[in-house]
Amino acid sequence: MNNETVINAVKYWLEQTIIGFNFCPFAKKELLNKTIHYEVVDERDTEEQLMALTHEFERLDKNLDVKTTLFVLPIGLESFFDYLDFLEIANELVVDLGYEGQYQLASFHPDYCFENVQQNDPSNYTNRSPFPIVHILRESSLERVLAHYPDPGGIPLRNIEVAKENGGEVFRRILERCNDIVE
């Protein structure tokens, strides 16, 4: 599995799921404007993963044309619980490095499961991805688009409704296609 195939699988998922079902009403614009950066980190070691995340923050500091990064971790965080532990440390890193209010992290994982929700519930597919991903968002960009979007707080509930209406099988097939891309 090389970085190019990982990125192709993530792009397919982004186009088919996140944009295709409008889970993020702002993603299509960024995709069309080519302002999404895909960073693949082939490290199992948590310290190395966090160092790569630090470098990504620094890269974003220098490249204001990049609006968001999909920080993809294809190895090392296969367990959802390990991923959640990493995400907690990553959020602490945001604060420790002084990026609170500048960058925000969103989470995606192949086995994503919301608290108090059954594993097979279609709502989990709003945050399921082909690989563990930390989505780094610029808070300033997020604030700008949310200011002009009606009921931004309703986005997660609408996404859950859309996922349940379409059923888990639709999203499972998309993720299977992502697996086919990398094999």
Protein backbone atom coordinates (compact mmCIF):
# COMPACT_ATOMS: atom_id res chain seq x y z
CA MET A 1 0.00 0.00 0.00
CA ASN A 2 1.64 3.24 -1.11
CA ASN A 3 0.70 6.81 -0.26
CA GLU A 4 -0.85 7.48 -3.67
CA THR A 5 -3.31 4.60 -3.39
CA VAL A 6 -4.15 5.60 0.20
CA ILE A 7 -4.89 9.15 -0.98
CA ASN A 8 -6.96 7.84 -3.91
CA ALA A 9 -9.06 5.75 -1.52
CA VAL A 10 -9.54 8.74 0.81
CA LYS A 11 -10.54 10.96 -2.12
CA TYR A 12 -13.04 8.37 -3.31
CA TRP A 13 -14.56 8.20 0.20
CA LEU A 14 -14.60 11.99 0.45
CA GLU A 15 -16.37 12.36 -2.89
CA GLN A 16 -18.80 9.47 -2.44
CA THR A 17 -19.67 9.82 1.25
CA ILE A 18 -18.80 13.21 2.70
CA ILE A 19 -19.68 15.21 -0.42
CA GLY A 20 -22.04 12.70 -2.03
CA PHE A 21 -24.33 12.64 1.01
CA ASN A 22 -23.54 16.25 1.93
CA PHE A 23 -22.29 15.28 5.39
CA CYS A 24 -20.07 18.36 5.20
CA PRO A 25 -21.79 21.08 3.19
CA PHE A 26 -18.45 22.91 2.84
CA ALA A 27 -16.25 20.08 1.56
CA LYS A 28 -17.23 20.26 -2.11
CA LYS A 29 -16.01 23.84 -2.45
CA GLU A 30 -12.65 22.94 -0.91
CA LEU A 31 -12.33 19.88 -3.15
CA LEU A 32 -13.11 21.90 -6.29
CA ASN A 33 -10.75 24.70 -5.20
CA LYS A 34 -8.03 22.12 -4.46
CA THR A 35 -7.48 23.53 -0.97
CA ILE A 36 -7.45 20.14 0.78
CA HIS A 37 -4.09 18.64 1.63
CA TYR A 38 -3.75 14.88 2.14
CA GLU A 39 -0.94 13.91 4.51
CA VAL A 40 -0.24 10.18 4.86
CA VAL A 41 1.77 9.15 7.92
CA ASP A 42 3.28 5.66 7.73
CA GLU A 43 4.37 5.47 11.35
CA ARG A 44 3.19 3.09 14.06
CA ASP A 45 4.97 4.91 16.86
CA THR A 46 2.78 7.46 18.65
CA GLU A 47 5.65 9.89 19.16
CA GLU A 48 6.43 9.82 15.43
CA GLN A 49 2.74 10.30 14.58
CA LEU A 50 2.56 13.31 16.92
CA MET A 51 5.76 14.75 15.46
CA ALA A 52 4.23 14.44 12.00
CA LEU A 53 1.09 16.18 13.27
CA THR A 54 3.24 18.99 14.67
CA HIS A 55 4.95 19.33 11.28
CA GLU A 56 1.54 19.47 9.62
CA PHE A 57 0.47 22.37 11.86
CA GLU A 58 3.71 24.16 10.94
CA ARG A 59 3.12 23.47 7.23
CA LEU A 60 -0.39 24.88 7.50
CA ASP A 61 1.02 27.97 9.23
CA LYS A 62 3.18 28.61 6.15
CA ASN A 63 0.58 27.64 3.50
CA LEU A 64 -2.52 29.75 3.99
CA ASP A 65 -3.94 28.58 0.66
CA VAL A 66 -4.49 25.14 2.17
CA LYS A 67 -7.79 25.34 4.04
CA THR A 68 -7.87 21.89 5.58
CA THR A 69 -5.78 18.74 5.93
CA LEU A 70 -6.84 15.12 6.01
CA PHE A 71 -4.10 13.59 8.16
CA VAL A 72 -4.29 9.90 7.29
CA LEU A 73 -2.82 7.20 9.54
CA PRO A 74 -3.10 3.91 7.59
CA ILE A 75 -1.03 1.93 10.10
CA GLY A 76 -0.74 1.89 13.87
CA LEU A 77 -4.22 3.03 14.89
CA GLU A 78 -6.37 0.22 13.52
CA SER A 79 -8.05 -0.16 16.92
CA PHE A 80 -10.73 2.49 17.40
CA PHE A 81 -9.83 2.76 21.08
CA ASP A 82 -6.14 3.32 20.27
CA TYR A 83 -7.27 5.97 17.78
CA LEU A 84 -9.38 7.70 20.45
CA ASP A 85 -6.38 7.71 22.80
CA PHE A 86 -4.27 9.25 20.03
CA LEU A 87 -6.96 11.84 19.30
CA GLU A 88 -7.04 12.87 22.95
CA ILE A 89 -3.27 13.38 22.94
CA ALA A 90 -3.51 15.22 19.59
CA ASN A 91 -6.08 17.62 21.04
CA GLU A 92 -3.78 18.22 24.02
CA LEU A 93 -0.98 18.91 21.53
CA VAL A 94 -3.12 21.59 19.86
CA VAL A 95 -3.37 23.35 23.23
CA ASP A 96 0.26 22.75 24.24
CA LEU A 97 1.55 24.19 20.94
CA GLY A 98 -0.66 27.27 21.25
CA TYR A 99 -2.94 26.34 18.34
CA GLU A 100 -6.17 26.40 20.33
CA GLY A 101 -8.55 28.71 18.47
CA GLN A 102 -6.50 28.31 15.30
CA TYR A 103 -6.91 24.62 14.46
CA GLN A 104 -9.64 22.16 15.33
CA LEU A 105 -9.51 18.39 14.96
CA ALA A 106 -12.33 16.21 13.67
CA SER A 107 -12.24 12.43 13.79
CA PHE A 108 -12.86 9.63 11.30
CA HIS A 109 -12.09 5.93 11.65
CA PRO A 110 -13.13 2.69 9.90
CA ASP A 111 -14.74 1.43 13.13
CA TYR A 112 -16.10 4.76 14.34
CA CYS A 113 -18.90 4.30 16.84
CA PHE A 114 -20.70 7.06 18.68
CA GLU A 115 -21.07 6.68 22.42
CA ASN A 116 -24.24 4.78 23.41
CA VAL A 117 -24.88 3.75 19.78
CA GLN A 118 -24.80 0.18 18.49
CA GLN A 119 -21.80 -0.68 16.29
CA ASN A 120 -24.05 -1.55 13.31
CA ASP A 121 -26.13 1.65 13.50
CA PRO A 122 -25.93 3.53 10.16
CA SER A 123 -25.35 6.83 11.99
CA ASN A 124 -21.76 5.73 12.68
CA TYR A 125 -21.03 6.00 8.95
CA THR A 126 -21.11 9.78 9.19
CA ASN A 127 -17.64 9.40 10.75
CA ARG A 128 -16.42 6.13 9.24
CA SER A 129 -13.57 6.36 6.78
CA PRO A 130 -11.29 3.94 4.94
CA PHE A 131 -8.42 4.69 7.35
CA PRO A 132 -7.99 6.50 10.66
CA ILE A 133 -8.05 10.20 9.77
CA VAL A 134 -7.59 13.35 11.81
CA HIS A 135 -9.22 16.20 9.94
CA ILE A 136 -7.40 19.45 10.71
CA LEU A 137 -9.65 22.45 10.18
CA ARG A 138 -8.72 26.10 10.29
CA GLU A 139 -11.07 27.64 12.82
CA SER A 140 -11.11 30.99 10.99
CA SER A 141 -12.33 29.29 7.79
CA LEU A 142 -14.86 27.28 9.74
CA GLU A 143 -16.23 30.37 11.48
CA ARG A 144 -16.57 32.20 8.14
CA VAL A 145 -18.60 29.47 6.45
CA LEU A 146 -20.73 28.72 9.51
CA ALA A 147 -21.70 32.39 9.82
CA HIS A 148 -23.49 32.13 6.46
CA TYR A 149 -24.97 28.67 6.88
CA PRO A 150 -28.51 28.29 8.24
CA ASP A 151 -28.62 26.13 11.38
CA PRO A 152 -25.03 24.84 11.49
CA GLY A 153 -25.83 23.11 14.79
CA GLY A 154 -28.34 20.93 12.94
CA ILE A 155 -25.74 19.45 10.58
CA PRO A 156 -24.90 16.40 12.75
CA LEU A 157 -28.56 15.50 13.29
CA ARG A 158 -29.33 15.90 9.60
CA ASN A 159 -26.33 13.69 8.77
CA ILE A 160 -27.56 10.98 11.14
CA GLU A 161 -31.01 11.10 9.51
CA VAL A 162 -29.47 10.84 6.03
CA ALA A 163 -27.29 7.89 7.11
CA LYS A 164 -30.27 6.07 8.63
CA GLU A 165 -32.47 6.76 5.60
CA ASN A 166 -29.84 5.30 3.26
CA GLY A 167 -28.84 2.41 5.52
CA GLY A 168 -25.45 1.04 6.43
CA GLU A 169 -25.12 -1.17 3.35
CA VAL A 170 -24.69 1.85 1.05
CA PHE A 171 -21.79 3.14 3.12
CA ARG A 172 -20.26 -0.32 3.60
CA ARG A 173 -20.08 -0.68 -0.19
CA ILE A 174 -18.28 2.66 -0.51
CA LEU A 175 -15.73 1.60 2.10
CA GLU A 176 -15.31 -1.78 0.36
CA ARG A 177 -14.57 0.09 -2.87
CA CYS A 178 -11.94 2.10 -0.98
CA ASN A 179 -10.36 -1.19 0.12
CA ASP A 180 -10.37 -2.36 -3.49
CA ILE A 181 -8.47 0.80 -4.49
CA VAL A 182 -5.60 0.08 -2.09
CA GLU A 183 -5.34 -3.65 -2.82
